[in-house]
Every structure is written in C-alpha cells, then in structure tokens.
Amino acid sequence: MKKKLILIICILFLLFLPLSYKYKIYKNKDLNYVVEQHMTHGLFNKYKMHSITNLNLTFSDGNIAVVKVYGTSNSSPHKNISYNLFLTKSKNGAWKVKKIYENYKFSKENTSNIP
C-alpha cells in the first residue's frame, strides 16, 4: 500500500513538471506579462517596483524589444521612477529580460504627467 502511494506521488510529480514548464513558456510569450512580472516580483530584484503606471513599447523587430516602464519605486517613499528594459525572444517564443537601465532624467523630475 505504501509503495503504491509513493509510486502515484512520483507519477503525479513527473506529470506536473512538464505541464508547469509548458504553462510558464505559454505565459512568457506575452511581452506585457513578462515585463510586469519581472518588474513587480522577485525577492532579490533591485529594480523591483511597487506598481507599474504605464508601459511603452519603444522598439520591436519581433526578436528584440525595448520597453519603457513608468511606475512607483518599491522603497518608501514611493517615488516616480522609469526604466528601459531590453528583451529578447528565445527559440521557443518566450520573452526574456536581458538588461535594465534606469532613466535618471525621469527619476529626478517631479512631474505628475506620465506619458
């Protein structure tokens, strides 16, 4: 009885791994999802934002994309900040963040208008 239970748990675990991988790849094909997840989640993410106000796709040729992200910083007080994200598309069609640059000009300005 105990061996059957262990076998069933192992089979379910082995079925779960490829399904979770496929689901992750499916979700990462959406550029907005990748940018939002990368910028608002992560324990060791030094570019983590409290919230995203606006996303602007600056450049995209299908394989490379540049996205300008506006929002509030995660640290208190929540200041307006802006980042440029450079993303590349992998062979399986999933987007991946390659580089992040902070827009210092926007961060120093005290504007209420966010383009």
PDB file of N, CA and C in Angstrom:
ATOM      1  N   MET A   1       0.820  -1.191   0.000  1.00  0.00           N
ATOM      2  CA  MET A   1       0.000   0.000   0.000  1.00  0.00           C
ATOM      3  C   MET A   1       0.869   1.262   0.000  1.00  0.00           C
ATOM      4  N   LYS A   2       1.910   1.263   0.817  1.00  0.00           N
ATOM      5  CA  LYS A   2       2.794   2.416   0.920  1.00  0.00           C
ATOM      6  C   LYS A   2       3.589   2.614  -0.371  1.00  0.00           C
ATOM      7  N   LYS A   3       4.001   1.505  -0.998  1.00  0.00           N
ATOM      8  CA  LYS A   3       4.758   1.600  -2.249  1.00  0.00           C
ATOM      9  C   LYS A   3       3.885   2.156  -3.368  1.00  0.00           C
ATOM     10  N   LYS A   4       2.602   1.782  -3.394  1.00  0.00           N
ATOM     11  CA  LYS A   4       1.688   2.294  -4.416  1.00  0.00           C
ATOM     12  C   LYS A   4       1.489   3.798  -4.247  1.00  0.00           C
ATOM     13  N   LEU A   5       1.362   4.227  -3.022  1.00  0.00           N
ATOM     14  CA  LEU A   5       1.185   5.648  -2.754  1.00  0.00           C
ATOM     15  C   LEU A   5       2.407   6.447  -3.200  1.00  0.00           C
ATOM     16  N   ILE A   6       3.582   5.947  -2.908  1.00  0.00           N
ATOM     17  CA  ILE A   6       4.821   6.608  -3.335  1.00  0.00           C
ATOM     18  C   ILE A   6       4.918   6.622  -4.854  1.00  0.00           C
ATOM     19  N   LEU A   7       4.542   5.538  -5.503  1.00  0.00           N
ATOM     20  CA  LEU A   7       4.566   5.453  -6.963  1.00  0.00           C
ATOM     21  C   LEU A   7       3.594   6.462  -7.576  1.00  0.00           C
ATOM     22  N   ILE A   8       2.403   6.568  -7.027  1.00  0.00           N
ATOM     23  CA  ILE A   8       1.410   7.515  -7.544  1.00  0.00           C
ATOM     24  C   ILE A   8       1.901   8.953  -7.366  1.00  0.00           C
ATOM     25  N   ILE A   9       2.485   9.252  -6.237  1.00  0.00           N
ATOM     26  CA  ILE A   9       3.017  10.598  -5.999  1.00  0.00           C
ATOM     27  C   ILE A   9       4.144  10.917  -6.981  1.00  0.00           C
ATOM     28  N   CYS A  10       5.009   9.952  -7.232  1.00  0.00           N
ATOM     29  CA  CYS A  10       6.108  10.158  -8.193  1.00  0.00           C
ATOM     30  C   CYS A  10       5.572  10.382  -9.600  1.00  0.00           C
ATOM     31  N   ILE A  11       4.566   9.619 -10.001  1.00  0.00           N
ATOM     32  CA  ILE A  11       3.982   9.773 -11.338  1.00  0.00           C
ATOM     33  C   ILE A  11       3.324  11.146 -11.468  1.00  0.00           C
ATOM     34  N   LEU A  12       2.575  11.553 -10.459  1.00  0.00           N
ATOM     35  CA  LEU A  12       1.942  12.873 -10.500  1.00  0.00           C
ATOM     36  C   LEU A  12       2.980  13.993 -10.557  1.00  0.00           C
ATOM     37  N   PHE A  13       4.049  13.841  -9.815  1.00  0.00           N
ATOM     38  CA  PHE A  13       5.118  14.832  -9.829  1.00  0.00           C
ATOM     39  C   PHE A  13       5.769  14.906 -11.208  1.00  0.00           C
ATOM     40  N   LEU A  14       6.014  13.748 -11.816  1.00  0.00           N
ATOM     41  CA  LEU A  14       6.633  13.724 -13.143  1.00  0.00           C
ATOM     42  C   LEU A  14       5.700  14.283 -14.211  1.00  0.00           C
ATOM     43  N   LEU A  15       4.395  14.166 -14.023  1.00  0.00           N
ATOM     44  CA  LEU A  15       3.442  14.761 -14.956  1.00  0.00           C
ATOM     45  C   LEU A  15       3.332  16.274 -14.744  1.00  0.00           C
ATOM     46  N   PHE A  16       3.491  16.711 -13.515  1.00  0.00           N
ATOM     47  CA  PHE A  16       3.360  18.122 -13.186  1.00  0.00           C
ATOM     48  C   PHE A  16       4.509  18.956 -13.749  1.00  0.00           C
ATOM     49  N   LEU A  17       5.717  18.429 -13.747  1.00  0.00           N
ATOM     50  CA  LEU A  17       6.886  19.196 -14.200  1.00  0.00           C
ATOM     51  C   LEU A  17       6.759  19.689 -15.641  1.00  0.00           C
ATOM     52  N   PRO A  18       6.480  18.803 -16.616  1.00  0.00           N
ATOM     53  CA  PRO A  18       6.371  19.317 -17.988  1.00  0.00           C
ATOM     54  C   PRO A  18       5.177  20.247 -18.184  1.00  0.00           C
ATOM     55  N   LEU A  19       4.092  19.991 -17.465  1.00  0.00           N
ATOM     56  CA  LEU A  19       2.929  20.864 -17.596  1.00  0.00           C
ATOM     57  C   LEU A  19       3.221  22.263 -17.054  1.00  0.00           C
ATOM     58  N   SER A  20       3.911  22.345 -15.944  1.00  0.00           N
ATOM     59  CA  SER A  20       4.246  23.662 -15.395  1.00  0.00           C
ATOM     60  C   SER A  20       5.240  24.395 -16.298  1.00  0.00           C
ATOM     61  N   TYR A  21       6.166  23.661 -16.911  1.00  0.00           N
ATOM     62  CA  TYR A  21       7.121  24.268 -17.839  1.00  0.00           C
ATOM     63  C   TYR A  21       6.386  24.816 -19.059  1.00  0.00           C
ATOM     64  N   LYS A  22       5.470  24.037 -19.614  1.00  0.00           N
ATOM     65  CA  LYS A  22       4.699  24.479 -20.784  1.00  0.00           C
ATOM     66  C   LYS A  22       3.868  25.717 -20.440  1.00  0.00           C
ATOM     67  N   TYR A  23       3.272  25.723 -19.257  1.00  0.00           N
ATOM     68  CA  TYR A  23       2.461  26.864 -18.839  1.00  0.00           C
ATOM     69  C   TYR A  23       3.323  28.116 -18.703  1.00  0.00           C
ATOM     70  N   LYS A  24       4.514  27.967 -18.137  1.00  0.00           N
ATOM     71  CA  LYS A  24       5.422  29.105 -17.978  1.00  0.00           C
ATOM     72  C   LYS A  24       5.845  29.650 -19.343  1.00  0.00           C
ATOM     73  N   ILE A  25       6.173  28.772 -20.275  1.00  0.00           N
ATOM     74  CA  ILE A  25       6.548  29.200 -21.626  1.00  0.00           C
ATOM     75  C   ILE A  25       5.370  29.903 -22.298  1.00  0.00           C
ATOM     76  N   TYR A  26       4.170  29.359 -22.128  1.00  0.00           N
ATOM     77  CA  TYR A  26       2.973  29.964 -22.716  1.00  0.00           C
ATOM     78  C   TYR A  26       2.759  31.380 -22.177  1.00  0.00           C
ATOM     79  N   LYS A  27       2.885  31.571 -20.866  1.00  0.00           N
ATOM     80  CA  LYS A  27       2.690  32.887 -20.265  1.00  0.00           C
ATOM     81  C   LYS A  27       3.798  33.862 -20.675  1.00  0.00           C
ATOM     82  N   ASN A  28       5.026  33.368 -20.829  1.00  0.00           N
ATOM     83  CA  ASN A  28       6.157  34.238 -21.163  1.00  0.00           C
ATOM     84  C   ASN A  28       6.193  34.638 -22.635  1.00  0.00           C
ATOM     85  N   LYS A  29       5.236  34.196 -23.425  1.00  0.00           N
ATOM     86  CA  LYS A  29       5.140  34.650 -24.810  1.00  0.00           C
ATOM     87  C   LYS A  29       4.465  36.014 -24.904  1.00  0.00           C
ATOM     88  N   ASP A  30       3.841  36.446 -23.820  1.00  0.00           N
ATOM     89  CA  ASP A  30       3.195  37.753 -23.756  1.00  0.00           C
ATOM     90  C   ASP A  30       4.188  38.766 -23.186  1.00  0.00           C
ATOM     91  N   LEU A  31       4.530  39.753 -23.980  1.00  0.00           N
ATOM     92  CA  LEU A  31       5.537  40.745 -23.593  1.00  0.00           C
ATOM     93  C   LEU A  31       5.107  41.538 -22.357  1.00  0.00           C
ATOM     94  N   ASN A  32       3.852  41.949 -22.300  1.00  0.00           N
ATOM     95  CA  ASN A  32       3.372  42.712 -21.142  1.00  0.00           C
ATOM     96  C   ASN A  32       3.458  41.897 -19.858  1.00  0.00           C
ATOM     97  N   TYR A  33       3.125  40.622 -19.928  1.00  0.00           N
ATOM     98  CA  TYR A  33       3.191  39.752 -18.752  1.00  0.00           C
ATOM     99  C   TYR A  33       4.626  39.644 -18.242  1.00  0.00           C
ATOM    100  N   VAL A  34       5.572  39.457 -19.151  1.00  0.00           N
ATOM    101  CA  VAL A  34       6.978  39.309 -18.757  1.00  0.00           C
ATOM    102  C   VAL A  34       7.481  40.581 -18.081  1.00  0.00           C
ATOM    103  N   VAL A  35       7.175  41.725 -18.662  1.00  0.00           N
ATOM    104  CA  VAL A  35       7.630  42.997 -18.090  1.00  0.00           C
ATOM    105  C   VAL A  35       7.005  43.213 -16.714  1.00  0.00           C
ATOM    106  N   GLU A  36       5.699  42.991 -16.601  1.00  0.00           N
ATOM    107  CA  GLU A  36       5.027  43.205 -15.317  1.00  0.00           C
ATOM    108  C   GLU A  36       5.543  42.249 -14.246  1.00  0.00           C
ATOM    109  N   GLN A  37       5.721  40.985 -14.577  1.00  0.00           N
ATOM    110  CA  GLN A  37       6.212  40.015 -13.601  1.00  0.00           C
ATOM    111  C   GLN A  37       7.640  40.333 -13.171  1.00  0.00           C
ATOM    112  N   HIS A  38       8.472  40.700 -14.135  1.00  0.00           N
ATOM    113  CA  HIS A  38       9.876  40.962 -13.807  1.00  0.00           C
ATOM    114  C   HIS A  38      10.039  42.219 -12.954  1.00  0.00           C
ATOM    115  N   MET A  39       9.217  43.222 -13.216  1.00  0.00           N
ATOM    116  CA  MET A  39       9.389  44.493 -12.517  1.00  0.00           C
ATOM    117  C   MET A  39       8.664  44.566 -11.175  1.00  0.00           C
ATOM    118  N   THR A  40       7.691  43.702 -10.918  1.00  0.00           N
ATOM    119  CA  THR A  40       6.936  43.793  -9.664  1.00  0.00           C
ATOM    120  C   THR A  40       7.132  42.586  -8.751  1.00  0.00           C
ATOM    121  N   HIS A  41       7.871  41.584  -9.170  1.00  0.00           N
ATOM    122  CA  HIS A  41       8.081  40.393  -8.353  1.00  0.00           C
ATOM    123  C   HIS A  41       9.577  40.120  -8.200  1.00  0.00           C
ATOM    124  N   GLY A  42       9.903  39.257  -7.291  1.00  0.00           N
ATOM    125  CA  GLY A  42      11.291  38.855  -7.109  1.00  0.00           C
ATOM    126  C   GLY A  42      11.840  39.305  -5.773  1.00  0.00           C
ATOM    127  N   LEU A  43      12.427  38.381  -5.082  1.00  0.00           N
ATOM    128  CA  LEU A  43      12.960  38.655  -3.754  1.00  0.00           C
ATOM    129  C   LEU A  43      14.252  39.471  -3.816  1.00  0.00           C
ATOM    130  N   PHE A  44      15.117  39.167  -4.774  1.00  0.00           N
ATOM    131  CA  PHE A  44      16.415  39.831  -4.877  1.00  0.00           C
ATOM    132  C   PHE A  44      16.475  40.790  -6.067  1.00  0.00           C
ATOM    133  N   ASN A  45      15.343  41.282  -6.529  1.00  0.00           N
ATOM    134  CA  ASN A  45      15.266  42.178  -7.673  1.00  0.00           C
ATOM    135  C   ASN A  45      15.526  43.612  -7.212  1.00  0.00           C
ATOM    136  N   LYS A  46      16.675  44.180  -7.585  1.00  0.00           N
ATOM    137  CA  LYS A  46      16.991  45.544  -7.149  1.00  0.00           C
ATOM    138  C   LYS A  46      16.213  46.590  -7.943  1.00  0.00           C
ATOM    139  N   TYR A  47      15.580  46.208  -9.043  1.00  0.00           N
ATOM    140  CA  TYR A  47      14.769  47.121  -9.841  1.00  0.00           C
ATOM    141  C   TYR A  47      13.274  46.951  -9.560  1.00  0.00           C
ATOM    142  N   LYS A  48      12.942  46.281  -8.496  1.00  0.00           N
ATOM    143  CA  LYS A  48      11.548  45.976  -8.181  1.00  0.00           C
ATOM    144  C   LYS A  48      10.748  47.256  -7.974  1.00  0.00           C
ATOM    145  N   MET A  49       9.550  47.280  -8.569  1.00  0.00           N
ATOM    146  CA  MET A  49       8.665  48.431  -8.472  1.00  0.00           C
ATOM    147  C   MET A  49       7.442  48.069  -7.633  1.00  0.00           C
ATOM    148  N   HIS A  50       6.885  49.071  -6.975  1.00  0.00           N
ATOM    149  CA  HIS A  50       5.663  48.866  -6.198  1.00  0.00           C
ATOM    150  C   HIS A  50       4.479  48.672  -7.137  1.00  0.00           C
ATOM    151  N   SER A  51       4.390  49.512  -8.145  1.00  0.00           N
ATOM    152  CA  SER A  51       3.329  49.379  -9.142  1.00  0.00           C
ATOM    153  C   SER A  51       3.808  49.972 -10.463  1.00  0.00           C
ATOM    154  N   ILE A  52       3.206  49.500 -11.535  1.00  0.00           N
ATOM    155  CA  ILE A  52       3.516  49.994 -12.877  1.00  0.00           C
ATOM    156  C   ILE A  52       2.362  50.871 -13.325  1.00  0.00           C
ATOM    157  N   THR A  53       2.698  52.095 -13.727  1.00  0.00           N
ATOM    158  CA  THR A  53       1.695  53.039 -14.184  1.00  0.00           C
ATOM    159  C   THR A  53       1.482  52.941 -15.687  1.00  0.00           C
ATOM    160  N   ASN A  54       2.576  52.794 -16.423  1.00  0.00           N
ATOM    161  CA  ASN A  54       2.487  52.833 -17.875  1.00  0.00           C
ATOM    162  C   ASN A  54       3.611  52.011 -18.487  1.00  0.00           C
ATOM    163  N   LEU A  55       3.311  51.350 -19.599  1.00  0.00           N
ATOM    164  CA  LEU A  55       4.301  50.623 -20.396  1.00  0.00           C
ATOM    165  C   LEU A  55       4.275  51.183 -21.808  1.00  0.00           C
ATOM    166  N   ASN A  56       5.435  51.518 -22.345  1.00  0.00           N
ATOM    167  CA  ASN A  56       5.535  51.987 -23.727  1.00  0.00           C
ATOM    168  C   ASN A  56       6.513  51.111 -24.477  1.00  0.00           C
ATOM    169  N   LEU A  57       6.050  50.509 -25.557  1.00  0.00           N
ATOM    170  CA  LEU A  57       6.931  49.730 -26.418  1.00  0.00           C
ATOM    171  C   LEU A  57       7.661  50.713 -27.320  1.00  0.00           C
ATOM    172  N   THR A  58       8.959  50.889 -27.083  1.00  0.00           N
ATOM    173  CA  THR A  58       9.755  51.853 -27.828  1.00  0.00           C
ATOM    174  C   THR A  58      10.225  51.279 -29.156  1.00  0.00           C
ATOM    175  N   PHE A  59      10.662  50.023 -29.142  1.00  0.00           N
ATOM    176  CA  PHE A  59      11.190  49.387 -30.343  1.00  0.00           C
ATOM    177  C   PHE A  59      10.908  47.896 -30.279  1.00  0.00           C
ATOM    178  N   SER A  60      10.574  47.321 -31.435  1.00  0.00           N
ATOM    179  CA  SER A  60      10.437  45.871 -31.528  1.00  0.00           C
ATOM    180  C   SER A  60      10.587  45.453 -32.981  1.00  0.00           C
ATOM    181  N   ASP A  61      11.427  44.448 -33.201  1.00  0.00           N
ATOM    182  CA  ASP A  61      11.548  43.877 -34.537  1.00  0.00           C
ATOM    183  C   ASP A  61      11.092  42.417 -34.554  1.00  0.00           C
ATOM    184  N   GLY A  62      10.440  41.974 -33.508  1.00  0.00           N
ATOM    185  CA  GLY A  62       9.972  40.597 -33.420  1.00  0.00           C
ATOM    186  C   GLY A  62      10.865  39.710 -32.580  1.00  0.00           C
ATOM    187  N   ASN A  63      12.159  40.008 -32.546  1.00  0.00           N
ATOM    188  CA  ASN A  63      13.101  39.223 -31.748  1.00  0.00           C
ATOM    189  C   ASN A  63      13.730  40.025 -30.613  1.00  0.00           C
ATOM    190  N   ILE A  64      13.771  41.327 -30.771  1.00  0.00           N
ATOM    191  CA  ILE A  64      14.314  42.230 -29.751  1.00  0.00           C
ATOM    192  C   ILE A  64      13.260  43.295 -29.481  1.00  0.00           C
ATOM    193  N   ALA A  65      13.095  43.643 -28.214  1.00  0.00           N
ATOM    194  CA  ALA A  65      12.129  44.685 -27.857  1.00  0.00           C
ATOM    195  C   ALA A  65      12.731  45.589 -26.790  1.00  0.00           C
ATOM    196  N   VAL A  66      12.370  46.859 -26.864  1.00  0.00           N
ATOM    197  CA  VAL A  66      12.747  47.838 -25.847  1.00  0.00           C
ATOM    198  C   VAL A  66      11.445  48.407 -25.294  1.00  0.00           C
ATOM    199  N   VAL A  67      11.283  48.294 -23.982  1.00  0.00           N
ATOM    200  CA  VAL A  67      10.060  48.754 -23.326  1.00  0.00           C
ATOM    201  C   VAL A  67      10.433  49.780 -22.266  1.00  0.00           C
ATOM    202  N   LYS A  68       9.727  50.906 -22.271  1.00  0.00           N
ATOM    203  CA  LYS A  68       9.913  51.927 -21.243  1.00  0.00           C
ATOM    204  C   LYS A  68       8.802  51.734 -20.214  1.00  0.00           C
ATOM    205  N   VAL A  69       9.203  51.577 -18.949  1.00  0.00           N
ATOM    206  CA  VAL A  69       8.266  51.288 -17.863  1.00  0.00           C
ATOM    207  C   VAL A  69       8.248  52.464 -16.895  1.00  0.00           C
ATOM    208  N   TYR A  70       7.055  52.954 -16.581  1.00  0.00           N
ATOM    209  CA  TYR A  70       6.864  54.033 -15.617  1.00  0.00           C
ATOM    210  C   TYR A  70       6.091  53.484 -14.426  1.00  0.00           C
ATOM    211  N   GLY A  71       6.464  53.926 -13.237  1.00  0.00           N
ATOM    212  CA  GLY A  71       5.740  53.481 -12.055  1.00  0.00           C
ATOM    213  C   GLY A  71       6.318  54.073 -10.796  1.00  0.00           C
ATOM    214  N   THR A  72       5.997  53.430  -9.670  1.00  0.00           N
ATOM    215  CA  THR A  72       6.474  53.894  -8.376  1.00  0.00           C
ATOM    216  C   THR A  72       7.481  52.908  -7.815  1.00  0.00           C
ATOM    217  N   SER A  73       8.460  53.440  -7.107  1.00  0.00           N
ATOM    218  CA  SER A  73       9.510  52.597  -6.539  1.00  0.00           C
ATOM    219  C   SER A  73       8.961  51.755  -5.401  1.00  0.00           C
ATOM    220  N   ASN A  74       9.627  50.667  -5.128  1.00  0.00           N
ATOM    221  CA  ASN A  74       9.187  49.752  -4.077  1.00  0.00           C
ATOM    222  C   ASN A  74       9.539  50.271  -2.691  1.00  0.00           C
ATOM    223  N   SER A  75      10.619  51.050  -2.605  1.00  0.00           N
ATOM    224  CA  SER A  75      11.043  51.554  -1.297  1.00  0.00           C
ATOM    225  C   SER A  75      10.261  52.821  -0.946  1.00  0.00           C
ATOM    226  N   SER A  76      10.066  53.000   0.325  1.00  0.00           N
ATOM    227  CA  SER A  76       9.313  54.139   0.819  1.00  0.00           C
ATOM    228  C   SER A  76      10.222  55.363   0.883  1.00  0.00           C
ATOM    229  N   PRO A  77       9.853  56.557   0.513  1.00  0.00           N
ATOM    230  CA  PRO A  77       8.580  56.947  -0.078  1.00  0.00           C
ATOM    231  C   PRO A  77       8.539  56.536  -1.546  1.00  0.00           C
ATOM    232  N   HIS A  78       7.384  56.163  -2.018  1.00  0.00           N
ATOM    233  CA  HIS A  78       7.234  55.622  -3.367  1.00  0.00           C
ATOM    234  C   HIS A  78       7.353  56.742  -4.403  1.00  0.00           C
ATOM    235  N   LYS A  79       8.570  56.943  -4.904  1.00  0.00           N
ATOM    236  CA  LYS A  79       8.837  57.981  -5.895  1.00  0.00           C
ATOM    237  C   LYS A  79       8.523  57.448  -7.288  1.00  0.00           C
ATOM    238  N   ASN A  80       8.248  58.378  -8.206  1.00  0.00           N
ATOM    239  CA  ASN A  80       8.067  58.001  -9.602  1.00  0.00           C
ATOM    240  C   ASN A  80       9.421  57.639 -10.194  1.00  0.00           C
ATOM    241  N   ILE A  81       9.482  56.485 -10.844  1.00  0.00           N
ATOM    242  CA  ILE A  81      10.716  56.043 -11.492  1.00  0.00           C
ATOM    243  C   ILE A  81      10.389  55.520 -12.876  1.00  0.00           C
ATOM    244  N   SER A  82      11.413  55.413 -13.685  1.00  0.00           N
ATOM    245  CA  SER A  82      11.256  54.931 -15.049  1.00  0.00           C
ATOM    246  C   SER A  82      12.454  54.067 -15.416  1.00  0.00           C
ATOM    247  N   TYR A  83      12.193  52.992 -16.140  1.00  0.00           N
ATOM    248  CA  TYR A  83      13.247  52.084 -16.587  1.00  0.00           C
ATOM    249  C   TYR A  83      13.072  51.779 -18.067  1.00  0.00           C
ATOM    250  N   ASN A  84      14.190  51.512 -18.727  1.00  0.00           N
ATOM    251  CA  ASN A  84      14.188  50.944 -20.069  1.00  0.00           C
ATOM    252  C   ASN A  84      14.564  49.479 -19.946  1.00  0.00           C
ATOM    253  N   LEU A  85      13.745  48.598 -20.485  1.00  0.00           N
ATOM    254  CA  LEU A  85      14.012  47.164 -20.455  1.00  0.00           C
ATOM    255  C   LEU A  85      14.332  46.691 -21.864  1.00  0.00           C
ATOM    256  N   PHE A  86      15.406  45.930 -21.996  1.00  0.00           N
ATOM    257  CA  PHE A  86      15.772  45.308 -23.258  1.00  0.00           C
ATOM    258  C   PHE A  86      15.452  43.828 -23.146  1.00  0.00           C
ATOM    259  N   LEU A  87      14.585  43.349 -24.037  1.00  0.00           N
ATOM    260  CA  LEU A  87      14.142  41.964 -24.001  1.00  0.00           C
ATOM    261  C   LEU A  87      14.485  41.274 -25.308  1.00  0.00           C
ATOM    262  N   THR A  88      14.745  39.980 -25.227  1.00  0.00           N
ATOM    263  CA  THR A  88      14.980  39.167 -26.414  1.00  0.00           C
ATOM    264  C   THR A  88      14.020  37.990 -26.402  1.00  0.00           C
ATOM    265  N   LYS A  89      13.715  37.510 -27.592  1.00  0.00           N
ATOM    266  CA  LYS A  89      12.820  36.368 -27.731  1.00  0.00           C
ATOM    267  C   LYS A  89      13.653  35.119 -27.966  1.00  0.00           C
ATOM    268  N   SER A  90      13.368  34.069 -27.205  1.00  0.00           N
ATOM    269  CA  SER A  90      14.112  32.814 -27.340  1.00  0.00           C
ATOM    270  C   SER A  90      13.538  31.983 -28.486  1.00  0.00           C
ATOM    271  N   LYS A  91      14.157  30.841 -28.748  1.00  0.00           N
ATOM    272  CA  LYS A  91      13.726  29.963 -29.837  1.00  0.00           C
ATOM    273  C   LYS A  91      12.296  29.472 -29.663  1.00  0.00           C
ATOM    274  N   ASN A  92      11.882  29.274 -28.409  1.00  0.00           N
ATOM    275  CA  ASN A  92      10.529  28.774 -28.168  1.00  0.00           C
ATOM    276  C   ASN A  92       9.487  29.892 -28.110  1.00  0.00           C
ATOM    277  N   GLY A  93       9.880  31.122 -28.359  1.00  0.00           N
ATOM    278  CA  GLY A  93       8.945  32.237 -28.430  1.00  0.00           C
ATOM    279  C   GLY A  93       8.733  32.979 -27.130  1.00  0.00           C
ATOM    280  N   ALA A  94       9.442  32.609 -26.082  1.00  0.00           N
ATOM    281  CA  ALA A  94       9.287  33.269 -24.786  1.00  0.00           C
ATOM    282  C   ALA A  94      10.209  34.482 -24.708  1.00  0.00           C
ATOM    283  N   TRP A  95       9.707  35.563 -24.118  1.00  0.00           N
ATOM    284  CA  TRP A  95      10.496  36.776 -23.937  1.00  0.00           C
ATOM    285  C   TRP A  95      11.317  36.674 -22.666  1.00  0.00           C
ATOM    286  N   LYS A  96      12.530  37.245 -22.707  1.00  0.00           N
ATOM    287  CA  LYS A  96      13.417  37.239 -21.546  1.00  0.00           C
ATOM    288  C   LYS A  96      14.066  38.612 -21.420  1.00  0.00           C
ATOM    289  N   VAL A  97      14.086  39.150 -20.195  1.00  0.00           N
ATOM    290  CA  VAL A  97      14.707  40.450 -19.933  1.00  0.00           C
ATOM    291  C   VAL A  97      16.220  40.272 -19.944  1.00  0.00           C
ATOM    292  N   LYS A  98      16.905  41.035 -20.796  1.00  0.00           N
ATOM    293  CA  LYS A  98      18.363  40.959 -20.889  1.00  0.00           C
ATOM    294  C   LYS A  98      19.052  42.044 -20.072  1.00  0.00           C
ATOM    295  N   LYS A  99      18.538  43.272 -20.146  1.00  0.00           N
ATOM    296  CA  LYS A  99      19.206  44.393 -19.482  1.00  0.00           C
ATOM    297  C   LYS A  99      18.158  45.412 -19.047  1.00  0.00           C
ATOM    298  N   ILE A 100      18.428  46.066 -17.916  1.00  0.00           N
ATOM    299  CA  ILE A 100      17.547  47.111 -17.396  1.00  0.00           C
ATOM    300  C   ILE A 100      18.387  48.361 -17.136  1.00  0.00           C
ATOM    301  N   TYR A 101      17.890  49.501 -17.627  1.00  0.00           N
ATOM    302  CA  TYR A 101      18.543  50.788 -17.393  1.00  0.00           C
ATOM    303  C   TYR A 101      17.546  51.731 -16.733  1.00  0.00           C
ATOM    304  N   GLU A 102      17.998  52.438 -15.707  1.00  0.00           N
ATOM    305  CA  GLU A 102      17.140  53.425 -15.061  1.00  0.00           C
ATOM    306  C   GLU A 102      17.224  54.729 -15.834  1.00  0.00           C
ATOM    307  N   ASN A 103      16.078  55.368 -16.033  1.00  0.00           N
ATOM    308  CA  ASN A 103      16.030  56.684 -16.664  1.00  0.00           C
ATOM    309  C   ASN A 103      16.191  57.726 -15.568  1.00  0.00           C
ATOM    310  N   TYR A 104      17.408  58.224 -15.396  1.00  0.00           N
ATOM    311  CA  TYR A 104      17.698  59.156 -14.311  1.00  0.00           C
ATOM    312  C   TYR A 104      16.998  60.489 -14.504  1.00  0.00           C
ATOM    313  N   LYS A 105      16.836  60.919 -15.740  1.00  0.00           N
ATOM    314  CA  LYS A 105      16.184  62.196 -16.004  1.00  0.00           C
ATOM    315  C   LYS A 105      14.755  62.168 -15.475  1.00  0.00           C
ATOM    316  N   PHE A 106      14.044  61.083 -15.741  1.00  0.00           N
ATOM    317  CA  PHE A 106      12.663  60.975 -15.282  1.00  0.00           C
ATOM    318  C   PHE A 106      12.600  60.866 -13.766  1.00  0.00           C
ATOM    319  N   SER A 107      13.533  60.150 -13.190  1.00  0.00           N
ATOM    320  CA  SER A 107      13.526  59.939 -11.741  1.00  0.00           C
ATOM    321  C   SER A 107      13.765  61.237 -10.979  1.00  0.00           C
ATOM    322  N   LYS A 108      14.550  62.147 -11.542  1.00  0.00           N
ATOM    323  CA  LYS A 108      14.861  63.399 -10.858  1.00  0.00           C
ATOM    324  C   LYS A 108      13.762  64.440 -11.044  1.00  0.00           C
ATOM    325  N   GLU A 109      12.993  64.319 -12.128  1.00  0.00           N
ATOM    326  CA  GLU A 109      11.920  65.275 -12.360  1.00  0.00           C
ATOM    327  C   GLU A 109      10.765  64.973 -11.422  1.00  0.00           C
ATOM    328  N   ASN A 110      10.107  66.012 -10.990  1.00  0.00           N
ATOM    329  CA  ASN A 110       8.938  65.837 -10.135  1.00  0.00           C
ATOM    330  C   ASN A 110       7.714  66.194 -10.965  1.00  0.00           C
ATOM    331  N   THR A 111       7.313  65.302 -11.856  1.00  0.00           N
ATOM    332  CA  THR A 111       6.192  65.574 -12.738  1.00  0.00           C
ATOM    333  C   THR A 111       5.042  64.653 -12.403  1.00  0.00           C
ATOM    334  N   SER A 112       3.845  65.181 -12.594  1.00  0.00           N
ATOM    335  CA  SER A 112       2.668  64.350 -12.397  1.00  0.00           C
ATOM    336  C   SER A 112       2.206  63.751 -13.715  1.00  0.00           C
ATOM    337  N   ASN A 113       2.690  64.292 -14.834  1.00  0.00           N
ATOM    338  CA  ASN A 113       2.315  63.761 -16.145  1.00  0.00           C
ATOM    339  C   ASN A 113       3.226  62.611 -16.507  1.00  0.00           C
ATOM    340  N   ILE A 114       2.632  61.474 -16.734  1.00  0.00           N
ATOM    341  CA  ILE A 114       3.393  60.316 -17.186  1.00  0.00           C
ATOM    342  C   ILE A 114       2.919  60.000 -18.587  1.00  0.00           C
ATOM    343  N   PRO A 115       3.819  60.030 -19.566  1.00  0.00           N
ATOM    344  CA  PRO A 115       3.406  59.827 -20.957  1.00  0.00           C
ATOM    345  C   PRO A 115       2.820  58.467 -21.198  1.00  0.00           C
TER     346      PRO A 115
END
